Protein backbone atom coordinates (compact mmCIF):
# COMPACT_ATOMS: atom_id res chain seq x y z
CA UNK A 1 0.12 -18.01 5.97
CA UNK A 2 -2.40 -18.61 3.27
CA UNK A 3 -1.94 -21.37 0.71
CA UNK A 4 -1.29 -18.76 -2.00
CA UNK A 5 1.59 -17.28 -0.02
CA UNK A 6 3.01 -20.72 0.82
CA UNK A 7 2.90 -21.64 -2.87
CA UNK A 8 4.56 -18.34 -3.81
CA UNK A 9 7.38 -19.00 -1.34
CA UNK A 10 7.89 -22.54 -2.65
CA UNK A 11 8.01 -21.39 -6.28
CA UNK A 12 9.91 -18.17 -5.53
CA UNK A 13 7.13 -16.10 -7.12
CA UNK A 14 5.73 -12.90 -5.62
CA UNK A 15 2.49 -12.99 -3.66
CA UNK A 16 -0.02 -10.17 -3.46
CA UNK A 17 0.63 -7.93 -0.42
CA UNK A 18 -2.89 -8.39 0.88
CA UNK A 19 -2.23 -12.14 1.03
CA UNK A 20 1.05 -11.74 2.89
CA UNK A 21 -0.33 -9.42 5.54
CA UNK A 22 -3.57 -11.24 6.20
CA UNK A 23 -3.65 -12.79 9.63
CA UNK A 24 -6.48 -13.13 12.09
CA UNK A 25 -6.55 -10.67 14.94
CA UNK A 26 -8.86 -10.79 17.88
CA UNK A 27 -11.98 -8.75 17.22
CA UNK A 28 -11.72 -7.22 20.68
CA UNK A 29 -8.74 -5.12 19.54
CA UNK A 30 -9.00 -2.35 16.96
CA UNK A 31 -5.89 -2.49 14.80
CA UNK A 32 -4.35 0.87 13.91
CA UNK A 33 -1.43 1.31 11.53
CA UNK A 34 0.99 4.19 11.10
CA UNK A 35 2.32 4.56 7.57
CA UNK A 36 5.38 6.73 7.03
CA UNK A 37 5.99 8.11 3.53
CA UNK A 38 9.54 9.45 3.18
CA UNK A 39 10.08 11.71 0.17
CA UNK A 40 13.38 12.02 -1.64
CA UNK A 41 12.92 15.78 -2.06
CA UNK A 42 15.37 18.43 -0.89
CA UNK A 43 13.60 18.79 2.47
CA UNK A 44 13.38 15.01 3.00
CA UNK A 45 9.77 15.47 4.06
CA UNK A 46 7.92 12.77 5.96
CA UNK A 47 4.16 12.22 5.84
CA UNK A 48 2.61 10.12 8.60
CA UNK A 49 -0.82 8.55 8.07
CA UNK A 50 -2.76 6.70 10.77
CA UNK A 51 -5.33 4.26 9.43
CA UNK A 52 -7.21 1.08 10.23
CA UNK A 53 -6.73 -0.30 6.70
CA UNK A 54 -3.64 -0.30 4.49
CA UNK A 55 -4.20 0.95 0.94
CA UNK A 56 -1.65 -1.14 -0.97
CA UNK A 57 -2.43 0.62 -4.26
CA UNK A 58 -1.35 3.94 -2.75
CA UNK A 59 1.78 2.34 -1.29
CA UNK A 60 2.76 0.90 -4.68
CA UNK A 61 2.19 4.29 -6.35
CA UNK A 62 4.33 6.04 -3.73
CA UNK A 63 7.10 3.48 -4.19
CA UNK A 64 6.98 4.02 -7.97
CA UNK A 65 7.44 7.77 -7.33
CA UNK A 66 10.66 6.98 -5.45
CA UNK A 67 9.38 7.40 -1.90
CA UNK A 68 10.28 5.06 0.95
CA UNK A 69 7.40 3.53 2.89
CA UNK A 70 7.43 2.17 6.44
CA UNK A 71 4.41 0.56 8.07
CA UNK A 72 4.11 0.19 11.82
CA UNK A 73 1.33 -1.37 13.85
CA UNK A 74 0.43 1.27 16.41
CA UNK A 75 -1.10 -1.27 18.79
CA UNK A 76 2.00 -2.90 20.28
CA UNK A 77 -0.08 -5.16 22.56
CA UNK A 78 -1.72 -6.74 19.52
CA UNK A 79 1.66 -7.45 17.93
CA UNK A 80 3.08 -8.92 21.13
CA UNK A 81 0.06 -11.17 21.62
CA UNK A 82 0.07 -12.26 17.97
CA UNK A 83 3.82 -12.95 17.86
CA UNK A 84 3.65 -14.93 21.11
CA UNK A 85 0.83 -17.11 19.75
CA UNK A 86 2.62 -17.54 16.42
CA UNK A 87 5.89 -18.44 18.17
CA UNK A 88 4.16 -21.12 20.22
CA UNK A 89 2.57 -22.54 17.06
CA UNK A 90 5.87 -22.56 15.17
CA UNK A 91 8.01 -24.09 17.92
CA UNK A 92 9.25 -27.50 16.94
CA UNK A 93 11.91 -29.64 18.53
CA UNK A 94 14.91 -29.99 16.28
CA UNK A 95 18.34 -31.53 16.58
CA UNK A 96 21.45 -32.23 14.53
CA UNK A 97 21.63 -35.66 12.93
CA UNK A 98 25.25 -35.32 11.86
CA UNK A 99 28.35 -33.15 12.34
């Protein structure tokens, strides 16, 4: 996490989405996202967009219009590799000091 996001978490203030979702990925993988826009209309229509970059301005506008937005990384191997690396970095030994 960037310092801005860490500071936002400590102070309970919102961080910009582009700061929260910024993490290094290996350049050998091309990241592809699927964005699902769910409308609250009578037909409950769903629009699926596949993209390499997430347009947060469009997502905010869609949310303001009452739509639900789901973002999925289409490249599962990238997520698995990233989460495994992150898990290894975050692992710390811990124990109870009292009951």
